[in-house]
Amino acid sequence: MVRSFRDKPVAPELIDRIVEIATWAPSAGKTQGWHLVVLREANTKKFWDITLPEPRRKNFRWKNLLNAPVIALVFADPQAYLQRYGEPDKAPTNLGDDVSAWSTPYWTVDASFATMQLLLATHDLGLGALFFGVFNGEAQLRQEVNAPEQMQLIGAVAIGWPDSVVQTEKGGSARRARRKPREVIRENSF
């Protein structure tokens, strides 16, 4: 994850390539019920004005994050899964009837898979990326980008050219130890 970007544009062809790679992520019923709202230039500034207003920026520790020339908002569409699972080949599952029929919300799972694929593709193409939650100003942001009510905002991805200055300071979460396989694996039961 990159938290420091250069103020340098990213060619639309690179974003297209990254998104093309992301479309190869696993998807229930090959529904691919996720969307990206890609913000550039003045729209990235508007994003930050909504989600991190100027007064809060004084104490924001990752100031060069705001240089990212692209912010992609990841949305999941539950309705796409109802439509797909209402089609003849999936109708016997009864998952096309209502979102409550789904024990796991695969629109969230699939959008998350696609986001991870997008992050890896970004890195592979020499760019940097950071996935982060949108915890402030979501209602205003949704209105700004005309997001339909049923769309679930998964989060935002900042995309750009990494700053050549390596940031050695880690956030609090990065200092936490990773779980060992023996802490994750449960043989046969919990």
Protein backbone atom coordinates (compact mmCIF):
# COMPACT_ATOMS: atom_id res chain seq x y z
CA MET A 1 0.00 0.00 0.00
CA VAL A 2 1.37 3.39 -1.02
CA ARG A 3 0.56 6.47 1.04
CA SER A 4 2.81 8.96 -0.75
CA PHE A 5 2.25 9.88 -4.40
CA ARG A 6 3.86 12.20 -6.90
CA ASP A 7 1.63 14.81 -8.47
CA LYS A 8 1.85 13.24 -11.92
CA PRO A 9 -1.10 12.13 -14.08
CA VAL A 10 -1.82 8.50 -14.89
CA ALA A 11 -2.66 7.75 -18.52
CA PRO A 12 -6.25 6.56 -19.04
CA GLU A 13 -4.85 3.53 -20.92
CA LEU A 14 -3.11 2.37 -17.73
CA ILE A 15 -6.35 2.63 -15.75
CA ASP A 16 -8.13 0.69 -18.52
CA ARG A 17 -5.48 -2.05 -18.32
CA ILE A 18 -5.72 -2.24 -14.52
CA VAL A 19 -9.50 -2.52 -14.66
CA GLU A 20 -9.29 -5.13 -17.43
CA ILE A 21 -7.08 -7.26 -15.20
CA ALA A 22 -9.48 -6.74 -12.27
CA THR A 23 -12.36 -8.13 -14.34
CA TRP A 24 -10.62 -11.53 -14.24
CA ALA A 25 -11.24 -11.80 -10.50
CA PRO A 26 -13.53 -14.63 -9.35
CA SER A 27 -17.20 -13.77 -9.48
CA ALA A 28 -20.28 -15.73 -8.38
CA GLY A 29 -22.13 -16.78 -11.50
CA LYS A 30 -19.74 -14.51 -13.40
CA THR A 31 -22.07 -11.71 -12.37
CA GLN A 32 -19.26 -9.17 -11.97
CA GLY A 33 -21.64 -6.89 -10.11
CA TRP A 34 -19.10 -4.26 -9.21
CA HIS A 35 -18.42 -0.82 -10.61
CA LEU A 36 -15.73 1.84 -10.33
CA VAL A 37 -16.34 5.55 -10.29
CA VAL A 38 -12.98 6.94 -11.39
CA LEU A 39 -12.22 10.45 -10.21
CA ARG A 40 -9.43 12.52 -11.75
CA GLU A 41 -8.05 16.04 -11.51
CA ALA A 42 -10.59 18.49 -10.02
CA ASN A 43 -12.80 15.58 -8.97
CA THR A 44 -10.06 14.12 -6.74
CA LYS A 45 -9.82 17.50 -5.02
CA LYS A 46 -13.59 17.46 -4.54
CA PHE A 47 -13.32 13.93 -3.10
CA TRP A 48 -10.81 15.11 -0.49
CA ASP A 49 -12.84 18.25 0.26
CA ILE A 50 -15.80 16.01 1.07
CA THR A 51 -14.05 13.18 2.92
CA LEU A 52 -11.14 15.06 4.51
CA PRO A 53 -12.08 18.74 4.80
CA GLU A 54 -9.31 21.34 4.95
CA PRO A 55 -9.37 21.84 8.76
CA ARG A 56 -8.75 18.12 9.34
CA ARG A 57 -5.80 18.04 6.91
CA LYS A 58 -3.52 19.94 9.29
CA ASN A 59 -3.13 16.83 11.45
CA PHE A 60 -3.33 14.27 8.63
CA ARG A 61 -0.12 12.27 8.69
CA TRP A 62 -0.16 11.09 5.06
CA LYS A 63 -0.24 14.48 3.31
CA ASN A 64 1.22 13.17 0.02
CA LEU A 65 -1.67 10.72 -0.25
CA LEU A 66 -3.66 13.73 -1.43
CA ASN A 67 -1.37 13.93 -4.50
CA ALA A 68 -2.81 10.72 -5.95
CA PRO A 69 -4.14 11.73 -9.38
CA VAL A 70 -6.81 9.01 -9.42
CA ILE A 71 -9.33 7.94 -6.82
CA ALA A 72 -11.45 4.92 -7.77
CA LEU A 73 -14.60 4.33 -5.74
CA VAL A 74 -15.53 0.64 -5.63
CA PHE A 75 -19.24 -0.14 -5.58
CA ALA A 76 -21.01 -3.51 -5.32
CA ASP A 77 -24.46 -4.00 -6.83
CA PRO A 78 -26.69 -6.53 -5.03
CA GLN A 79 -29.38 -6.13 -7.72
CA ALA A 80 -26.99 -7.49 -10.35
CA TYR A 81 -26.85 -10.75 -8.36
CA LEU A 82 -30.62 -10.98 -8.07
CA GLN A 83 -30.91 -10.49 -11.84
CA ARG A 84 -28.16 -13.01 -12.63
CA TYR A 85 -29.54 -15.63 -10.25
CA GLY A 86 -33.00 -15.10 -11.67
CA GLU A 87 -31.77 -16.28 -15.09
CA PRO A 88 -32.77 -19.81 -16.18
CA ASP A 89 -29.42 -21.48 -15.41
CA LYS A 90 -29.38 -20.09 -11.85
CA ALA A 91 -33.10 -19.79 -11.04
CA PRO A 92 -33.29 -23.21 -9.27
CA THR A 93 -31.06 -21.78 -6.52
CA ASN A 94 -33.83 -19.31 -5.54
CA LEU A 95 -31.08 -16.74 -4.94
CA GLY A 96 -32.68 -14.39 -7.43
CA ASP A 97 -35.69 -13.83 -5.20
CA ASP A 98 -34.30 -11.49 -2.55
CA VAL A 99 -30.94 -10.44 -1.08
CA SER A 100 -31.99 -12.08 2.19
CA ALA A 101 -31.71 -15.47 0.43
CA TRP A 102 -27.93 -15.03 0.33
CA SER A 103 -26.18 -16.32 3.45
CA THR A 104 -23.04 -14.58 2.20
CA PRO A 105 -23.35 -11.30 0.28
CA TYR A 106 -21.35 -12.31 -2.78
CA TRP A 107 -21.63 -8.81 -4.25
CA THR A 108 -19.36 -7.72 -1.39
CA VAL A 109 -17.08 -10.72 -1.79
CA ASP A 110 -16.76 -10.30 -5.56
CA ALA A 111 -16.17 -6.55 -5.35
CA SER A 112 -13.49 -7.25 -2.74
CA PHE A 113 -11.82 -9.88 -4.96
CA ALA A 114 -11.87 -7.43 -7.87
CA THR A 115 -10.41 -4.70 -5.67
CA MET A 116 -7.54 -6.94 -4.60
CA GLN A 117 -6.91 -7.86 -8.24
CA LEU A 118 -6.95 -4.14 -9.09
CA LEU A 119 -4.39 -3.42 -6.34
CA LEU A 120 -2.08 -6.19 -7.57
CA ALA A 121 -2.41 -5.08 -11.22
CA THR A 122 -1.61 -1.51 -10.23
CA HIS A 123 1.57 -2.65 -8.53
CA ASP A 124 2.53 -4.91 -11.46
CA LEU A 125 2.29 -1.93 -13.83
CA GLY A 126 4.68 0.12 -11.71
CA LEU A 127 2.08 2.33 -10.07
CA GLY A 128 1.17 2.60 -6.43
CA ALA A 129 -2.21 2.13 -4.80
CA LEU A 130 -3.88 2.38 -1.44
CA PHE A 131 -7.26 0.91 -0.50
CA PHE A 132 -9.04 2.78 2.27
CA GLY A 133 -12.52 3.10 3.71
CA VAL A 134 -14.72 6.13 3.20
CA PHE A 135 -15.76 6.90 6.75
CA ASN A 136 -16.61 10.58 6.41
CA GLY A 137 -18.91 12.32 3.99
CA GLU A 138 -20.27 9.19 2.32
CA ALA A 139 -23.77 10.60 1.82
CA GLN A 140 -22.46 13.76 0.17
CA LEU A 141 -19.98 11.79 -1.91
CA ARG A 142 -22.67 9.39 -3.09
CA GLN A 143 -24.80 12.36 -4.11
CA GLU A 144 -21.84 13.95 -5.92
CA VAL A 145 -21.22 10.82 -8.04
CA ASN A 146 -24.92 9.96 -8.47
CA ALA A 147 -24.50 6.55 -6.82
CA PRO A 148 -27.80 4.65 -6.81
CA GLU A 149 -29.09 3.86 -3.33
CA GLN A 150 -28.74 0.07 -3.70
CA MET A 151 -25.02 0.31 -4.50
CA GLN A 152 -22.76 -0.66 -1.61
CA LEU A 153 -19.65 1.52 -1.33
CA ILE A 154 -16.81 -0.90 -0.60
CA GLY A 155 -14.13 1.77 -0.33
CA ALA A 156 -11.74 3.96 -2.28
CA VAL A 157 -8.49 3.20 -4.08
CA ALA A 158 -5.92 5.95 -4.54
CA ILE A 159 -3.83 5.28 -7.65
CA GLY A 160 -0.74 7.09 -8.87
CA TRP A 161 2.99 7.15 -9.18
CA PRO A 162 4.69 6.37 -5.87
CA ASP A 163 6.75 9.17 -4.39
CA SER A 164 10.44 8.34 -4.65
CA VAL A 165 10.89 9.20 -0.99
CA VAL A 166 10.42 5.96 0.90
CA GLN A 167 8.28 6.42 3.96
CA THR A 168 9.81 4.46 6.79
CA GLU A 169 7.22 5.47 9.36
CA LYS A 170 4.50 2.86 9.64
CA GLY A 171 0.98 3.38 10.82
CA GLY A 172 -0.20 1.70 14.00
CA SER A 173 -1.84 -1.19 12.17
CA ALA A 174 1.29 -1.98 10.14
CA ARG A 175 3.22 -2.53 13.37
CA ARG A 176 0.91 -5.35 14.40
CA ALA A 177 2.32 -8.82 13.91
CA ARG A 178 0.82 -11.06 11.24
CA ARG A 179 -0.87 -14.20 12.47
CA LYS A 180 1.11 -17.38 12.08
CA PRO A 181 -0.40 -20.20 9.97
CA ARG A 182 -0.91 -22.25 13.14
CA GLU A 183 -3.09 -19.40 14.47
CA VAL A 184 -5.22 -19.40 11.33
CA ILE A 185 -5.58 -23.07 10.43
CA ARG A 186 -8.16 -25.20 12.25
CA GLU A 187 -7.90 -28.89 11.44
CA ASN A 188 -11.33 -30.45 11.01
CA SER A 189 -13.14 -28.08 13.43
CA PHE A 190 -12.89 -24.97 15.53
